[in-house]
Amino acid sequence: MNKQIVKDFKKGIQIGTQGFLIPSIDSFVALHPEWQIHWFLARGFLLSVFQFQQERINSFVEYLEENKNDFTKEILKTNDFQQAFVITLENYLKIRQEEKLKLVKNIFLGYTKDVNKEKFELERFYSIVSQLSIEGLEFLHFIEQNILKVGENKKELSRGLIGFFRNKENQSKYSINFEAIKERLAELQSLGIIRISGYASVADPESFQDNIYYSFTDFGLKLFSFLAK
């Protein structure tokens, strides 16, 4: 770490929070001094954003407090975590939609608990969350609630969708059409969340049978696992 940063930091907590104008950070760091350096580094990178995102930062501080048992002192001391914290906060402050913010929180907790943090694709996850449409995210939630259950480790997707929508009651209940599903599947494929796993001889829109079969990628399953936490 830059020696000047360390030298300045040792002058005290006031340097780290000066200019934030966010009491929640002062209170949080006073209770948890092990977080001082993380907020100090974040201020250096995100000062302009901090100045008009007080409410959002307050929410992030509450999230840290609620999950304080997962952020052990051993983890907080590592350089990898310090970088991950700044990257996460930056993405959290830039994203507007509430559902995406929940996903960012879950991803960060997933990173914190992962034993192999160097291989955890944190930046890729956040990039995909940013690119994913709200309709695409809603479709993933629909899959999680109705097609596949988190924890079952199932990659296959198309057969589950076909089986679900062959039921006329399900078709009317969710008011979704064949073309809309194809559009969502195409979006998920373009983002690397699902892949083509096979082809059918015919397509039957009436039963939601496409001539392409899709399954989750390993990356997609990992992202999928962060939905319902």
Protein backbone atom coordinates (compact mmCIF):
# COMPACT_ATOMS: atom_id res chain seq x y z
CA MET A 1 0.00 0.00 0.00
CA ASN A 2 1.19 3.53 -0.71
CA LYS A 3 3.32 4.73 2.22
CA GLN A 4 1.88 8.24 2.04
CA ILE A 5 -1.63 6.86 2.35
CA VAL A 6 -0.61 4.91 5.44
CA LYS A 7 1.14 7.94 6.88
CA ASP A 8 -1.88 10.18 6.32
CA PHE A 9 -4.21 7.51 7.64
CA LYS A 10 -2.31 7.29 10.91
CA LYS A 11 -3.18 10.92 11.60
CA GLY A 12 -6.61 9.68 12.62
CA ILE A 13 -10.12 8.80 11.63
CA GLN A 14 -11.00 12.41 10.82
CA ILE A 15 -8.91 12.28 7.65
CA GLY A 16 -10.76 9.21 6.51
CA THR A 17 -14.21 10.73 6.94
CA GLN A 18 -13.52 14.41 6.33
CA GLY A 19 -15.77 15.69 3.59
CA PHE A 20 -18.15 12.71 3.66
CA LEU A 21 -20.82 14.60 5.60
CA ILE A 22 -22.31 11.19 6.32
CA PRO A 23 -22.78 10.53 10.05
CA SER A 24 -23.52 6.85 9.50
CA ILE A 25 -19.93 6.24 8.34
CA ASP A 26 -18.50 8.02 11.38
CA SER A 27 -20.70 5.97 13.70
CA PHE A 28 -19.96 2.70 11.94
CA VAL A 29 -16.18 3.23 11.93
CA ALA A 30 -16.26 4.30 15.58
CA LEU A 31 -17.88 0.96 16.43
CA HIS A 32 -15.74 -1.03 14.01
CA PRO A 33 -12.30 0.66 13.70
CA GLU A 34 -11.03 -2.24 11.57
CA TRP A 35 -13.04 -0.69 8.69
CA GLN A 36 -11.22 2.67 8.81
CA ILE A 37 -8.72 1.97 6.04
CA HIS A 38 -11.45 0.63 3.72
CA TRP A 39 -13.53 3.79 3.93
CA PHE A 40 -10.40 5.90 3.61
CA LEU A 41 -9.43 4.15 0.38
CA ALA A 42 -13.00 4.34 -0.94
CA ARG A 43 -13.11 8.07 -0.31
CA GLY A 44 -10.01 8.54 -2.43
CA PHE A 45 -11.59 6.76 -5.39
CA LEU A 46 -15.20 7.83 -5.02
CA LEU A 47 -15.18 11.28 -3.43
CA SER A 48 -17.30 12.92 -6.15
CA VAL A 49 -19.89 10.15 -5.91
CA PHE A 50 -19.96 10.28 -2.10
CA GLN A 51 -20.99 13.93 -2.18
CA PHE A 52 -24.46 13.22 -3.56
CA GLN A 53 -25.13 9.62 -2.51
CA GLN A 54 -25.63 9.99 1.23
CA GLU A 55 -28.82 7.92 1.42
CA ARG A 56 -27.33 5.12 -0.65
CA ILE A 57 -24.18 5.02 1.48
CA ASN A 58 -26.29 4.92 4.63
CA SER A 59 -28.00 1.84 3.20
CA PHE A 60 -24.64 0.22 2.47
CA VAL A 61 -23.42 0.91 6.02
CA GLU A 62 -26.59 -0.73 7.39
CA TYR A 63 -25.89 -3.75 5.21
CA LEU A 64 -22.35 -4.04 6.59
CA GLU A 65 -23.66 -3.81 10.13
CA GLU A 66 -26.33 -6.44 9.53
CA ASN A 67 -23.72 -8.87 8.17
CA LYS A 68 -20.83 -7.94 10.46
CA ASN A 69 -20.24 -11.56 11.50
CA ASP A 70 -19.28 -12.44 7.91
CA PHE A 71 -16.65 -9.68 7.72
CA THR A 72 -14.04 -11.05 10.07
CA LYS A 73 -10.97 -9.07 11.08
CA GLU A 74 -8.79 -11.60 9.27
CA ILE A 75 -10.63 -10.97 5.99
CA LEU A 76 -10.61 -7.19 6.44
CA LYS A 77 -6.83 -7.13 6.74
CA THR A 78 -6.19 -8.54 3.27
CA ASN A 79 -5.35 -6.39 0.25
CA ASP A 80 -7.71 -8.44 -1.92
CA PHE A 81 -10.64 -7.59 0.31
CA GLN A 82 -9.74 -3.90 0.41
CA GLN A 83 -9.82 -3.79 -3.40
CA ALA A 84 -13.04 -5.81 -3.51
CA PHE A 85 -14.66 -3.40 -1.05
CA VAL A 86 -13.90 -0.36 -3.18
CA ILE A 87 -15.05 -2.14 -6.37
CA THR A 88 -18.26 -3.23 -4.68
CA LEU A 89 -19.05 0.18 -3.25
CA GLU A 90 -18.42 1.81 -6.62
CA ASN A 91 -20.88 -0.53 -8.31
CA TYR A 92 -23.39 -0.19 -5.49
CA LEU A 93 -23.41 3.59 -5.84
CA LYS A 94 -23.76 3.51 -9.62
CA ILE A 95 -26.63 1.02 -9.91
CA ARG A 96 -30.12 2.51 -9.65
CA GLN A 97 -32.52 -0.44 -9.46
CA GLU A 98 -33.32 -1.88 -6.04
CA GLU A 99 -33.40 -5.50 -7.23
CA LYS A 100 -29.93 -5.15 -8.70
CA LEU A 101 -28.65 -3.62 -5.46
CA LYS A 102 -29.82 -6.73 -3.59
CA LEU A 103 -27.91 -8.87 -6.05
CA VAL A 104 -24.73 -6.81 -5.58
CA LYS A 105 -24.99 -7.31 -1.82
CA ASN A 106 -25.41 -11.07 -2.23
CA ILE A 107 -22.47 -11.28 -4.61
CA PHE A 108 -20.23 -9.39 -2.18
CA LEU A 109 -21.22 -11.72 0.65
CA GLY A 110 -20.53 -14.64 -1.66
CA TYR A 111 -17.08 -13.26 -2.34
CA THR A 112 -16.45 -12.72 1.37
CA LYS A 113 -17.30 -16.36 2.16
CA ASP A 114 -15.46 -17.88 -0.81
CA VAL A 115 -12.26 -19.69 0.11
CA ASN A 116 -10.61 -18.92 -3.23
CA LYS A 117 -11.07 -15.17 -3.55
CA GLU A 118 -8.46 -14.78 -6.29
CA LYS A 119 -10.58 -16.84 -8.68
CA PHE A 120 -13.89 -15.30 -7.65
CA GLU A 121 -15.08 -13.35 -10.72
CA LEU A 122 -16.24 -10.30 -8.79
CA GLU A 123 -15.77 -7.75 -11.56
CA ARG A 124 -17.48 -10.01 -14.09
CA PHE A 125 -20.48 -10.52 -11.82
CA TYR A 126 -20.91 -6.78 -11.34
CA SER A 127 -20.51 -6.14 -15.06
CA ILE A 128 -23.25 -8.65 -15.87
CA VAL A 129 -25.56 -7.21 -13.21
CA SER A 130 -25.08 -3.79 -14.79
CA GLN A 131 -25.85 -5.08 -18.29
CA LEU A 132 -28.75 -7.35 -17.35
CA SER A 133 -32.14 -5.82 -18.11
CA ILE A 134 -34.81 -5.63 -15.43
CA GLU A 135 -36.87 -8.04 -17.55
CA GLY A 136 -33.93 -10.41 -17.64
CA LEU A 137 -33.52 -10.24 -13.87
CA GLU A 138 -37.25 -10.80 -13.38
CA PHE A 139 -37.02 -13.82 -15.69
CA LEU A 140 -34.20 -15.27 -13.56
CA HIS A 141 -36.33 -14.78 -10.46
CA PHE A 142 -39.22 -16.49 -12.26
CA ILE A 143 -36.94 -19.45 -13.06
CA GLU A 144 -35.71 -19.60 -9.46
CA GLN A 145 -39.24 -19.60 -8.06
CA ASN A 146 -40.94 -21.90 -10.56
CA ILE A 147 -38.49 -23.92 -12.66
CA LEU A 148 -35.29 -24.64 -10.73
CA LYS A 149 -34.65 -24.40 -7.03
CA VAL A 150 -31.42 -22.93 -5.70
CA GLY A 151 -29.22 -25.67 -4.31
CA GLU A 152 -30.32 -28.42 -6.68
CA ASN A 153 -27.31 -27.78 -8.93
CA LYS A 154 -29.31 -28.24 -12.12
CA LYS A 155 -27.94 -26.83 -15.34
CA GLU A 156 -30.77 -27.87 -17.63
CA LEU A 157 -33.24 -25.07 -18.29
CA SER A 158 -35.27 -25.55 -21.47
CA ARG A 159 -36.96 -28.81 -20.50
CA GLY A 160 -38.07 -27.27 -17.23
CA LEU A 161 -39.61 -24.30 -19.03
CA ILE A 162 -41.33 -26.56 -21.55
CA GLY A 163 -42.75 -28.78 -18.82
CA PHE A 164 -44.00 -25.78 -16.85
CA PHE A 165 -45.73 -24.03 -19.73
CA ARG A 166 -47.34 -27.12 -21.22
CA ASN A 167 -49.75 -26.59 -18.36
CA LYS A 168 -52.39 -24.21 -19.72
CA GLU A 169 -53.11 -22.91 -16.24
CA ASN A 170 -49.50 -21.79 -15.88
CA GLN A 171 -49.63 -20.05 -19.27
CA SER A 172 -52.68 -18.01 -18.28
CA LYS A 173 -51.42 -17.35 -14.76
CA TYR A 174 -48.16 -15.75 -15.88
CA SER A 175 -49.43 -14.14 -19.10
CA ILE A 176 -46.15 -14.80 -20.86
CA ASN A 177 -45.73 -15.72 -24.49
CA PHE A 178 -43.32 -17.86 -26.46
CA GLU A 179 -41.58 -14.94 -28.17
CA ALA A 180 -41.00 -13.15 -24.87
CA ILE A 181 -39.30 -16.23 -23.45
CA LYS A 182 -37.11 -16.56 -26.55
CA GLU A 183 -36.06 -12.93 -26.16
CA ARG A 184 -35.10 -13.42 -22.53
CA LEU A 185 -33.19 -16.62 -23.31
CA ALA A 186 -31.27 -14.80 -26.05
CA GLU A 187 -30.33 -12.06 -23.58
CA LEU A 188 -29.11 -14.55 -20.97
CA GLN A 189 -27.07 -16.37 -23.61
CA SER A 190 -25.42 -13.14 -24.77
CA LEU A 191 -24.32 -12.46 -21.18
CA GLY A 192 -22.83 -15.91 -20.69
CA ILE A 193 -25.46 -16.96 -18.13
CA ILE A 194 -26.82 -19.78 -20.29
CA ARG A 195 -25.56 -21.65 -23.34
CA ILE A 196 -26.99 -23.76 -26.16
CA SER A 197 -26.88 -27.40 -25.08
CA GLY A 198 -28.76 -29.10 -27.94
CA TYR A 199 -31.36 -28.87 -30.67
CA ALA A 200 -34.85 -30.27 -31.13
CA SER A 201 -36.24 -31.47 -34.43
CA VAL A 202 -39.28 -29.19 -34.29
CA ALA A 203 -40.51 -26.10 -32.49
CA ASP A 204 -44.01 -25.89 -31.00
CA PRO A 205 -44.89 -22.44 -29.64
CA GLU A 206 -48.18 -23.78 -28.28
CA SER A 207 -46.29 -25.92 -25.76
CA PHE A 208 -43.35 -23.49 -25.48
CA GLN A 209 -41.13 -26.03 -27.21
CA ASP A 210 -38.24 -24.28 -28.95
CA ASN A 211 -35.92 -25.98 -31.42
CA ILE A 212 -32.97 -24.94 -29.22
CA TYR A 213 -32.22 -26.31 -25.78
CA TYR A 214 -30.49 -24.11 -23.22
CA SER A 215 -28.65 -24.89 -20.00
CA PHE A 216 -26.89 -22.77 -17.40
CA THR A 217 -23.16 -22.18 -17.66
CA ASP A 218 -21.06 -22.68 -14.52
CA PHE A 219 -20.87 -18.90 -14.24
CA GLY A 220 -24.63 -18.62 -14.71
CA LEU A 221 -25.33 -21.14 -11.96
CA LYS A 222 -23.08 -19.19 -9.62
CA LEU A 223 -24.92 -15.96 -10.40
CA PHE A 224 -28.22 -17.82 -10.07
CA SER A 225 -27.24 -18.95 -6.58
CA PHE A 226 -27.07 -15.32 -5.41
CA LEU A 227 -30.68 -14.52 -6.31
CA ALA A 228 -32.67 -15.82 -3.38
CA LYS A 229 -30.44 -14.98 -0.42
